[in-house]
Amino acid sequence: MRDEQFDVPVTIESERIGRPLSVTRTVQAASLLVDKWPDEKRGPKYRAALKAMMDAMEQRRAVGSARRAFTAAAKEAHLFVREGRH
């Protein structure tokens, strides 16, 4: 599996309140989805993002597409803060 860099970082709320987390790579995003995503916030976009991230790491999907799926999951879970570097 390959760890690919996102062209645009995605910032989400972290476990620690008030501490945003910048997600910049596929392995980091996949790890967050599997290990840290709140169980009650694992909706349809979460499942799509998890599949997209795995596909990107196995080079079956473009990294940008996986990043967009991760962003959609973060928005669905109300964890999304912003895209890009700020």
PDB file of N, CA and C in Angstrom:
ATOM      1  N   MET A   1       0.835  -1.186   0.000  1.00  0.00           N
ATOM      2  CA  MET A   1       0.000   0.000   0.000  1.00  0.00           C
ATOM      3  C   MET A   1       0.876   1.246   0.000  1.00  0.00           C
ATOM      4  N   ARG A   2       0.424   2.223  -0.738  1.00  0.00           N
ATOM      5  CA  ARG A   2       1.188   3.461  -0.840  1.00  0.00           C
ATOM      6  C   ARG A   2       0.549   4.568   0.001  1.00  0.00           C
ATOM      7  N   ASP A   3       1.407   5.352   0.601  1.00  0.00           N
ATOM      8  CA  ASP A   3       0.965   6.517   1.371  1.00  0.00           C
ATOM      9  C   ASP A   3       1.150   7.732   0.476  1.00  0.00           C
ATOM     10  N   GLU A   4       0.034   8.276  -0.019  1.00  0.00           N
ATOM     11  CA  GLU A   4       0.078   9.402  -0.949  1.00  0.00           C
ATOM     12  C   GLU A   4      -0.263  10.703  -0.228  1.00  0.00           C
ATOM     13  N   GLN A   5       0.365  11.772  -0.659  1.00  0.00           N
ATOM     14  CA  GLN A   5       0.104  13.104  -0.091  1.00  0.00           C
ATOM     15  C   GLN A   5      -1.115  13.728  -0.764  1.00  0.00           C
ATOM     16  N   PHE A   6      -1.961  14.374   0.035  1.00  0.00           N
ATOM     17  CA  PHE A   6      -3.084  15.140  -0.507  1.00  0.00           C
ATOM     18  C   PHE A   6      -2.542  16.415  -1.140  1.00  0.00           C
ATOM     19  N   ASP A   7      -3.153  16.863  -2.226  1.00  0.00           N
ATOM     20  CA  ASP A   7      -2.747  18.127  -2.830  1.00  0.00           C
ATOM     21  C   ASP A   7      -3.223  19.312  -1.992  1.00  0.00           C
ATOM     22  N   VAL A   8      -4.331  19.126  -1.270  1.00  0.00           N
ATOM     23  CA  VAL A   8      -4.876  20.153  -0.382  1.00  0.00           C
ATOM     24  C   VAL A   8      -5.190  19.490   0.959  1.00  0.00           C
ATOM     25  N   PRO A   9      -4.611  19.939   2.070  1.00  0.00           N
ATOM     26  CA  PRO A   9      -4.905  19.345   3.372  1.00  0.00           C
ATOM     27  C   PRO A   9      -6.382  19.535   3.757  1.00  0.00           C
ATOM     28  N   VAL A  10      -6.862  18.630   4.592  1.00  0.00           N
ATOM     29  CA  VAL A  10      -8.215  18.731   5.142  1.00  0.00           C
ATOM     30  C   VAL A  10      -8.068  18.857   6.655  1.00  0.00           C
ATOM     31  N   THR A  11      -8.616  19.912   7.227  1.00  0.00           N
ATOM     32  CA  THR A  11      -8.530  20.114   8.672  1.00  0.00           C
ATOM     33  C   THR A  11      -9.841  19.689   9.309  1.00  0.00           C
ATOM     34  N   ILE A  12      -9.720  18.836  10.323  1.00  0.00           N
ATOM     35  CA  ILE A  12     -10.893  18.344  11.049  1.00  0.00           C
ATOM     36  C   ILE A  12     -10.710  18.618  12.531  1.00  0.00           C
ATOM     37  N   GLU A  13     -11.800  18.493  13.276  1.00  0.00           N
ATOM     38  CA  GLU A  13     -11.709  18.580  14.730  1.00  0.00           C
ATOM     39  C   GLU A  13     -11.026  17.320  15.231  1.00  0.00           C
ATOM     40  N   SER A  14     -10.121  17.473  16.154  1.00  0.00           N
ATOM     41  CA  SER A  14      -9.428  16.318  16.715  1.00  0.00           C
ATOM     42  C   SER A  14     -10.156  15.838  17.965  1.00  0.00           C
ATOM     43  N   GLU A  15      -9.644  14.749  18.523  1.00  0.00           N
ATOM     44  CA  GLU A  15     -10.209  14.225  19.776  1.00  0.00           C
ATOM     45  C   GLU A  15     -10.123  15.266  20.883  1.00  0.00           C
ATOM     46  N   ARG A  16      -9.079  16.060  20.839  1.00  0.00           N
ATOM     47  CA  ARG A  16      -8.866  17.082  21.862  1.00  0.00           C
ATOM     48  C   ARG A  16      -9.607  18.343  21.443  1.00  0.00           C
ATOM     49  N   ILE A  17     -10.575  18.715  22.187  1.00  0.00           N
ATOM     50  CA  ILE A  17     -11.408  19.865  21.877  1.00  0.00           C
ATOM     51  C   ILE A  17     -10.542  21.108  21.734  1.00  0.00           C
ATOM     52  N   GLY A  18     -10.799  21.843  20.673  1.00  0.00           N
ATOM     53  CA  GLY A  18     -10.042  23.061  20.429  1.00  0.00           C
ATOM     54  C   GLY A  18      -8.733  22.856  19.708  1.00  0.00           C
ATOM     55  N   ARG A  19      -8.423  21.617  19.353  1.00  0.00           N
ATOM     56  CA  ARG A  19      -7.171  21.318  18.657  1.00  0.00           C
ATOM     57  C   ARG A  19      -7.483  20.752  17.278  1.00  0.00           C
ATOM     58  N   PRO A  20      -7.515  21.583  16.238  1.00  0.00           N
ATOM     59  CA  PRO A  20      -7.762  21.063  14.897  1.00  0.00           C
ATOM     60  C   PRO A  20      -6.604  20.184  14.433  1.00  0.00           C
ATOM     61  N   LEU A  21      -6.913  19.261  13.543  1.00  0.00           N
ATOM     62  CA  LEU A  21      -5.926  18.325  13.024  1.00  0.00           C
ATOM     63  C   LEU A  21      -5.887  18.452  11.514  1.00  0.00           C
ATOM     64  N   SER A  22      -4.713  18.677  10.961  1.00  0.00           N
ATOM     65  CA  SER A  22      -4.535  18.777   9.521  1.00  0.00           C
ATOM     66  C   SER A  22      -4.210  17.384   8.974  1.00  0.00           C
ATOM     67  N   VAL A  23      -5.067  16.898   8.089  1.00  0.00           N
ATOM     68  CA  VAL A  23      -4.895  15.579   7.487  1.00  0.00           C
ATOM     69  C   VAL A  23      -4.290  15.792   6.106  1.00  0.00           C
ATOM     70  N   THR A  24      -3.113  15.198   5.872  1.00  0.00           N
ATOM     71  CA  THR A  24      -2.360  15.482   4.654  1.00  0.00           C
ATOM     72  C   THR A  24      -2.023  14.254   3.823  1.00  0.00           C
ATOM     73  N   ARG A  25      -2.286  13.041   4.342  1.00  0.00           N
ATOM     74  CA  ARG A  25      -1.856  11.823   3.643  1.00  0.00           C
ATOM     75  C   ARG A  25      -2.926  10.740   3.728  1.00  0.00           C
ATOM     76  N   THR A  26      -2.861   9.807   2.793  1.00  0.00           N
ATOM     77  CA  THR A  26      -3.870   8.739   2.737  1.00  0.00           C
ATOM     78  C   THR A  26      -3.802   7.813   3.950  1.00  0.00           C
ATOM     79  N   VAL A  27      -2.622   7.431   4.380  1.00  0.00           N
ATOM     80  CA  VAL A  27      -2.515   6.525   5.532  1.00  0.00           C
ATOM     81  C   VAL A  27      -3.034   7.207   6.794  1.00  0.00           C
ATOM     82  N   GLN A  28      -2.735   8.479   6.955  1.00  0.00           N
ATOM     83  CA  GLN A  28      -3.235   9.238   8.109  1.00  0.00           C
ATOM     84  C   GLN A  28      -4.762   9.274   8.088  1.00  0.00           C
ATOM     85  N   ALA A  29      -5.341   9.571   6.931  1.00  0.00           N
ATOM     86  CA  ALA A  29      -6.805   9.622   6.815  1.00  0.00           C
ATOM     87  C   ALA A  29      -7.423   8.255   7.080  1.00  0.00           C
ATOM     88  N   ALA A  30      -6.847   7.205   6.518  1.00  0.00           N
ATOM     89  CA  ALA A  30      -7.376   5.854   6.725  1.00  0.00           C
ATOM     90  C   ALA A  30      -7.304   5.462   8.196  1.00  0.00           C
ATOM     91  N   SER A  31      -6.203   5.798   8.850  1.00  0.00           N
ATOM     92  CA  SER A  31      -6.048   5.498  10.270  1.00  0.00           C
ATOM     93  C   SER A  31      -7.103   6.216  11.105  1.00  0.00           C
ATOM     94  N   LEU A  32      -7.345   7.469  10.789  1.00  0.00           N
ATOM     95  CA  LEU A  32      -8.377   8.221  11.507  1.00  0.00           C
ATOM     96  C   LEU A  32      -9.750   7.582  11.294  1.00  0.00           C
ATOM     97  N   LEU A  33     -10.049   7.212  10.060  1.00  0.00           N
ATOM     98  CA  LEU A  33     -11.342   6.605   9.762  1.00  0.00           C
ATOM     99  C   LEU A  33     -11.525   5.287  10.516  1.00  0.00           C
ATOM    100  N   VAL A  34     -10.500   4.482  10.564  1.00  0.00           N
ATOM    101  CA  VAL A  34     -10.597   3.158  11.200  1.00  0.00           C
ATOM    102  C   VAL A  34     -10.528   3.243  12.724  1.00  0.00           C
ATOM    103  N   ASP A  35      -9.589   4.020  13.241  1.00  0.00           N
ATOM    104  CA  ASP A  35      -9.293   3.983  14.681  1.00  0.00           C
ATOM    105  C   ASP A  35      -9.908   5.104  15.515  1.00  0.00           C
ATOM    106  N   LYS A  36     -10.173   6.252  14.920  1.00  0.00           N
ATOM    107  CA  LYS A  36     -10.561   7.422  15.717  1.00  0.00           C
ATOM    108  C   LYS A  36     -11.947   7.977  15.405  1.00  0.00           C
ATOM    109  N   TRP A  37     -12.547   7.553  14.306  1.00  0.00           N
ATOM    110  CA  TRP A  37     -13.840   8.129  13.907  1.00  0.00           C
ATOM    111  C   TRP A  37     -14.905   7.707  14.902  1.00  0.00           C
ATOM    112  N   PRO A  38     -15.700   8.633  15.388  1.00  0.00           N
ATOM    113  CA  PRO A  38     -16.749   8.274  16.362  1.00  0.00           C
ATOM    114  C   PRO A  38     -17.739   7.267  15.755  1.00  0.00           C
ATOM    115  N   ASP A  39     -18.033   6.208  16.496  1.00  0.00           N
ATOM    116  CA  ASP A  39     -18.931   5.156  16.005  1.00  0.00           C
ATOM    117  C   ASP A  39     -20.277   5.708  15.557  1.00  0.00           C
ATOM    118  N   GLU A  40     -20.799   6.664  16.289  1.00  0.00           N
ATOM    119  CA  GLU A  40     -22.124   7.199  15.975  1.00  0.00           C
ATOM    120  C   GLU A  40     -22.107   8.121  14.751  1.00  0.00           C
ATOM    121  N   LYS A  41     -20.921   8.375  14.200  1.00  0.00           N
ATOM    122  CA  LYS A  41     -20.802   9.258  13.031  1.00  0.00           C
ATOM    123  C   LYS A  41     -20.298   8.498  11.806  1.00  0.00           C
ATOM    124  N   ARG A  42     -20.521   7.186  11.793  1.00  0.00           N
ATOM    125  CA  ARG A  42     -20.073   6.356  10.673  1.00  0.00           C
ATOM    126  C   ARG A  42     -21.235   6.088   9.716  1.00  0.00           C
ATOM    127  N   GLY A  43     -21.583   7.121   8.964  1.00  0.00           N
ATOM    128  CA  GLY A  43     -22.688   7.054   8.024  1.00  0.00           C
ATOM    129  C   GLY A  43     -22.239   6.606   6.650  1.00  0.00           C
ATOM    130  N   PRO A  44     -23.107   6.799   5.645  1.00  0.00           N
ATOM    131  CA  PRO A  44     -22.809   6.367   4.280  1.00  0.00           C
ATOM    132  C   PRO A  44     -21.565   7.037   3.690  1.00  0.00           C
ATOM    133  N   LYS A  45     -21.337   8.298   3.991  1.00  0.00           N
ATOM    134  CA  LYS A  45     -20.164   8.984   3.448  1.00  0.00           C
ATOM    135  C   LYS A  45     -18.892   8.509   4.135  1.00  0.00           C
ATOM    136  N   TYR A  46     -19.006   8.110   5.388  1.00  0.00           N
ATOM    137  CA  TYR A  46     -17.871   7.497   6.091  1.00  0.00           C
ATOM    138  C   TYR A  46     -17.452   6.218   5.372  1.00  0.00           C
ATOM    139  N   ARG A  47     -18.429   5.360   5.093  1.00  0.00           N
ATOM    140  CA  ARG A  47     -18.128   4.083   4.429  1.00  0.00           C
ATOM    141  C   ARG A  47     -17.530   4.313   3.039  1.00  0.00           C
ATOM    142  N   ALA A  48     -18.063   5.296   2.322  1.00  0.00           N
ATOM    143  CA  ALA A  48     -17.523   5.626   0.994  1.00  0.00           C
ATOM    144  C   ALA A  48     -16.088   6.148   1.109  1.00  0.00           C
ATOM    145  N   ALA A  49     -15.823   6.961   2.123  1.00  0.00           N
ATOM    146  CA  ALA A  49     -14.474   7.504   2.318  1.00  0.00           C
ATOM    147  C   ALA A  49     -13.479   6.404   2.677  1.00  0.00           C
ATOM    148  N   LEU A  50     -13.891   5.483   3.507  1.00  0.00           N
ATOM    149  CA  LEU A  50     -13.008   4.388   3.891  1.00  0.00           C
ATOM    150  C   LEU A  50     -12.630   3.561   2.660  1.00  0.00           C
ATOM    151  N   LYS A  51     -13.611   3.233   1.837  1.00  0.00           N
ATOM    152  CA  LYS A  51     -13.343   2.477   0.613  1.00  0.00           C
ATOM    153  C   LYS A  51     -12.461   3.279  -0.332  1.00  0.00           C
ATOM    154  N   ALA A  52     -12.763   4.568  -0.483  1.00  0.00           N
ATOM    155  CA  ALA A  52     -11.977   5.429  -1.371  1.00  0.00           C
ATOM    156  C   ALA A  52     -10.522   5.509  -0.917  1.00  0.00           C
ATOM    157  N   MET A  53     -10.304   5.612   0.386  1.00  0.00           N
ATOM    158  CA  MET A  53      -8.938   5.713   0.911  1.00  0.00           C
ATOM    159  C   MET A  53      -8.176   4.417   0.660  1.00  0.00           C
ATOM    160  N   MET A  54      -8.829   3.274   0.901  1.00  0.00           N
ATOM    161  CA  MET A  54      -8.179   1.986   0.645  1.00  0.00           C
ATOM    162  C   MET A  54      -7.856   1.834  -0.843  1.00  0.00           C
ATOM    163  N   ASP A  55      -8.803   2.233  -1.685  1.00  0.00           N
ATOM    164  CA  ASP A  55      -8.577   2.158  -3.131  1.00  0.00           C
ATOM    165  C   ASP A  55      -7.412   3.055  -3.552  1.00  0.00           C
ATOM    166  N   ALA A  56      -7.319   4.242  -2.978  1.00  0.00           N
ATOM    167  CA  ALA A  56      -6.222   5.157  -3.319  1.00  0.00           C
ATOM    168  C   ALA A  56      -4.878   4.573  -2.884  1.00  0.00           C
ATOM    169  N   MET A  57      -4.836   3.966  -1.711  1.00  0.00           N
ATOM    170  CA  MET A  57      -3.580   3.389  -1.233  1.00  0.00           C
ATOM    171  C   MET A  57      -3.164   2.182  -2.064  1.00  0.00           C
ATOM    172  N   GLU A  58      -4.133   1.536  -2.701  1.00  0.00           N
ATOM    173  CA  GLU A  58      -3.832   0.398  -3.578  1.00  0.00           C
ATOM    174  C   GLU A  58      -3.765   0.832  -5.043  1.00  0.00           C
ATOM    175  N   GLN A  59      -3.744   2.125  -5.274  1.00  0.00           N
ATOM    176  CA  GLN A  59      -3.596   2.741  -6.592  1.00  0.00           C
ATOM    177  C   GLN A  59      -4.721   2.357  -7.556  1.00  0.00           C
ATOM    178  N   ARG A  60      -5.916   2.160  -7.016  1.00  0.00           N
ATOM    179  CA  ARG A  60      -7.087   1.886  -7.848  1.00  0.00           C
ATOM    180  C   ARG A  60      -7.974   3.117  -7.969  1.00  0.00           C
ATOM    181  N   ARG A  61      -7.587   4.197  -7.322  1.00  0.00           N
ATOM    182  CA  ARG A  61      -8.383   5.425  -7.326  1.00  0.00           C
ATOM    183  C   ARG A  61      -7.444   6.615  -7.152  1.00  0.00           C
ATOM    184  N   ALA A  62      -7.808   7.732  -7.726  1.00  0.00           N
ATOM    185  CA  ALA A  62      -6.994   8.942  -7.610  1.00  0.00           C
ATOM    186  C   ALA A  62      -7.028   9.468  -6.172  1.00  0.00           C
ATOM    187  N   VAL A  63      -5.906   9.985  -5.728  1.00  0.00           N
ATOM    188  CA  VAL A  63      -5.790  10.515  -4.369  1.00  0.00           C
ATOM    189  C   VAL A  63      -6.752  11.680  -4.156  1.00  0.00           C
ATOM    190  N   GLY A  64      -6.901  12.542  -5.151  1.00  0.00           N
ATOM    191  CA  GLY A  64      -7.808  13.685  -5.031  1.00  0.00           C
ATOM    192  C   GLY A  64      -9.248  13.253  -4.807  1.00  0.00           C
ATOM    193  N   SER A  65      -9.649  12.190  -5.450  1.00  0.00           N
ATOM    194  CA  SER A  65     -10.996  11.646  -5.280  1.00  0.00           C
ATOM    195  C   SER A  65     -11.183  11.110  -3.854  1.00  0.00           C
ATOM    196  N   ALA A  66     -10.166  10.439  -3.344  1.00  0.00           N
ATOM    197  CA  ALA A  66     -10.222   9.920  -1.973  1.00  0.00           C
ATOM    198  C   ALA A  66     -10.271  11.067  -0.960  1.00  0.00           C
ATOM    199  N   ARG A  67      -9.501  12.128  -1.223  1.00  0.00           N
ATOM    200  CA  ARG A  67      -9.522  13.289  -0.331  1.00  0.00           C
ATOM    201  C   ARG A  67     -10.913  13.918  -0.310  1.00  0.00           C
ATOM    202  N   ARG A  68     -11.528  14.032  -1.478  1.00  0.00           N
ATOM    203  CA  ARG A  68     -12.880  14.598  -1.532  1.00  0.00           C
ATOM    204  C   ARG A  68     -13.874  13.725  -0.763  1.00  0.00           C
ATOM    205  N   ALA A  69     -13.716  12.408  -0.855  1.00  0.00           N
ATOM    206  CA  ALA A  69     -14.595  11.498  -0.105  1.00  0.00           C
ATOM    207  C   ALA A  69     -14.371  11.661   1.398  1.00  0.00           C
ATOM    208  N   PHE A  70     -13.112  11.833   1.814  1.00  0.00           N
ATOM    209  CA  PHE A  70     -12.798  12.057   3.230  1.00  0.00           C
ATOM    210  C   PHE A  70     -13.421  13.366   3.711  1.00  0.00           C
ATOM    211  N   THR A  71     -13.329  14.411   2.891  1.00  0.00           N
ATOM    212  CA  THR A  71     -13.931  15.703   3.233  1.00  0.00           C
ATOM    213  C   THR A  71     -15.439  15.566   3.396  1.00  0.00           C
ATOM    214  N   ALA A  72     -16.071  14.830   2.498  1.00  0.00           N
ATOM    215  CA  ALA A  72     -17.529  14.623   2.585  1.00  0.00           C
ATOM    216  C   ALA A  72     -17.893  13.879   3.866  1.00  0.00           C
ATOM    217  N   ALA A  73     -17.090  12.896   4.244  1.00  0.00           N
ATOM    218  CA  ALA A  73     -17.351  12.151   5.482  1.00  0.00           C
ATOM    219  C   ALA A  73     -17.192  13.061   6.703  1.00  0.00           C
ATOM    220  N   ALA A  74     -16.171  13.915   6.676  1.00  0.00           N
ATOM    221  CA  ALA A  74     -15.965  14.847   7.793  1.00  0.00           C
ATOM    222  C   ALA A  74     -17.129  15.819   7.907  1.00  0.00           C
ATOM    223  N   LYS A  75     -17.634  16.277   6.771  1.00  0.00           N
ATOM    224  CA  LYS A  75     -18.795  17.174   6.793  1.00  0.00           C
ATOM    225  C   LYS A  75     -20.024  16.448   7.317  1.00  0.00           C
ATOM    226  N   GLU A  76     -20.236  15.210   6.859  1.00  0.00           N
ATOM    227  CA  GLU A  76     -21.376  14.412   7.319  1.00  0.00           C
ATOM    228  C   GLU A  76     -21.332  14.221   8.836  1.00  0.00           C
ATOM    229  N   ALA A  77     -20.123  14.036   9.371  1.00  0.00           N
ATOM    230  CA  ALA A  77     -19.943  13.790  10.807  1.00  0.00           C
ATOM    231  C   ALA A  77     -19.830  15.078  11.620  1.00  0.00           C
ATOM    232  N   HIS A  78     -19.900  16.219  10.951  1.00  0.00           N
ATOM    233  CA  HIS A  78     -19.747  17.528  11.600  1.00  0.00           C
ATOM    234  C   HIS A  78     -18.378  17.668  12.263  1.00  0.00           C
ATOM    235  N   LEU A  79     -17.363  17.102  11.611  1.00  0.00           N
ATOM    236  CA  LEU A  79     -15.973  17.216  12.082  1.00  0.00           C
ATOM    237  C   LEU A  79     -15.141  18.132  11.204  1.00  0.00           C
ATOM    238  N   PHE A  80     -15.682  18.490  10.049  1.00  0.00           N
ATOM    239  CA  PHE A  80     -14.946  19.279   9.061  1.00  0.00           C
ATOM    240  C   PHE A  80     -14.710  20.698   9.575  1.00  0.00           C
ATOM    241  N   VAL A  81     -13.495  21.200   9.394  1.00  0.00           N
ATOM    242  CA  VAL A  81     -13.170  22.568   9.776  1.00  0.00           C
ATOM    243  C   VAL A  81     -12.900  23.401   8.504  1.00  0.00           C
ATOM    244  N   ARG A  82     -11.944  22.929   7.661  1.00  0.00           N
ATOM    245  CA  ARG A  82     -11.629  23.671   6.450  1.00  0.00           C
ATOM    246  C   ARG A  82     -10.720  22.824   5.537  1.00  0.00           C
ATOM    247  N   GLU A  83     -10.585  23.295   4.308  1.00  0.00           N
ATOM    248  CA  GLU A  83      -9.633  22.719   3.363  1.00  0.00           C
ATOM    249  C   GLU A  83      -8.534  23.733   3.130  1.00  0.00           C
ATOM    250  N   GLY A  84      -7.364  23.260   2.832  1.00  0.00           N
ATOM    251  CA  GLY A  84      -6.243  24.145   2.542  1.00  0.00           C
ATOM    252  C   GLY A  84      -5.457  24.502   3.782  1.00  0.00           C
ATOM    253  N   ARG A  85      -4.377  25.203   3.552  1.00  0.00           N
ATOM    254  CA  ARG A  85      -3.489  25.620   4.656  1.00  0.00           C
ATOM    255  C   ARG A  85      -3.914  27.002   5.126  1.00  0.00           C
ATOM    256  N   HIS A  86      -4.154  27.123   6.408  1.00  0.00           N
ATOM    257  CA  HIS A  86      -4.552  28.426   6.978  1.00  0.00           C
ATOM    258  C   HIS A  86      -3.739  28.699   8.214  1.00  0.00           C
TER     259      HIS A  86
END
